[in-house]
Amino acid sequence: MKSSIVVLITFISLSCRAYHRSPCTTSISRQFQFENCYAPNLNPDLSLNAASFVMSHNSATGYLNVHTANNNNNTYVSNTKDAIKTAALHRVLGLYGKTQVGTAYEQLNNGARALDLRPKLYNNNSIGFHHGDMIDLPLITIDLSEFISEVKSWCSDNPGELTMYSGIAAMQQVGDVMNMADLSRFGGEDASFCGKANWSKDNLVTCYSTDSNSSQSSTQSFIQCTDLKKSGQYKLSQLQSYAKASANNEPTNSAYELGPPANMYWYPFNQIQAFWQVDTASVQIGLLHGSSLLDDNRLSKINAILVDMVYNQEFDSISIFTVDNVALNGLALFSVLRNACGQAAVSDEDVLPCGKDLSMPHLNTSHSLPFLWDAALCLAFGIVLVGAIVMVFPAFKLRDEGPQDHRLVCHGHIV
């Protein structure tokens, strides 16, 4: 999705304490490269545009649910049949286009340090959010003030973290920005995003597309990112190339070309859009497959692949690294970015290893499905076992009764 409509807000408090994620369960701690869910603070002498941040793409969709279309402030909701159909379509598209799981607090707790917001003014003068260009739906389950309250709550609980940032201070040092945005004194700063979005319409990589080789066939076939044994590898390779081009190509100020900005005054930040984009065809094909952007993210395992790419230093530089579904391996991505050499604060007393001197964090395959999947497998095996018992029991019963005459008698005649 095009990310030109982005608001980024800085909410920071200055503290010398390192970051310890809470709660820190066994599965969560394995996503960190240090024990006890620990990550060092950002280097305060680092230029802000040289610091690396995980951004949750279209953050407000974390509040999107099946009731989102019921909005009295929107003209499409009425009692007519057409309006009901439209509302139903909006619900389907909304759930398809949901890119995040959880509240702003939960997204920050899952590794995000920048939030992609799409504010919209509604008819009742409240400021909520909308979805984007391709799936432009109202997000009325949360408004701007409530969203910011969630962010402030997380910042208060984690005062040493730079959580959202202001484009105004892009050329300043991290320590200066943390002082400016100290919640205890100023309540935070706000500004519009002033970075190069690297949204190249001619090069977008979608999860679903038609197979051009099937045009001569009687049946239409599709290329899909979730088919990891076949066409999915091609799609993943495309998205990896798109992401790397955003950081590794020759610098350019062209909005239509991938690559870091040539002029840091106009584009202090560089965004890497490392998620499946959408167009009309991909949405239609995705809906036909009963999929969603969250499913595409999970089944393609793209977030795990991105962590591996960052760990193996495949990007020349990283400023804003934007992903879908930050709840899945977002902490691992945060960890490898924070522990890259030069990113973390260091002291003479405590010199920590960095980069590939640290072990690769553990990667999850799903943030919510293992239990349900195990339950489904147990249920399936149980059904098979019961079926086998039902079939085998009569056979043993017949064996115990001795030889049987299995000839069929039909109308008094033995057949």
Foldseek 3Di string as FASTA:
>chain_A
DDQQQFWWWWAAAADQDWDAQPPDDPVNQLLFLDGRRTFFFWAQQAQQQQAFFEEAPAQLLLLDDLCQLPDPQDDLDDDDPNSVVVSNVLSLLSQQARFEHDALLVLVSLAGQIYGFAWDQTPVRFIAGFRDDANTGTGPSDGDVRNVVSVNVNCVVGNNHGRTAEPVRRRPGNNVRNVVNRCVPPNTGIYGAQAQALPAPVLAQAQKDWDPVCPPPPDTDMQGLLPVVPSVVVSLVSLVVSQQQQFPPDADPDSNGHYGHPDCVRHVHGERERAHDDDPRRSVVCVVVVHHRVRSCLSSVSLVVVLVCLLVPSGPGHRYYYHTHSNFSSSSSSNLSCQAPPTGHDDPVDHDHGRNVTDRRDGDSDNPCPVVVVVVVVVVVVVVVVVVCVVVVVVVVVVVVPDDDPFDADPNDTD
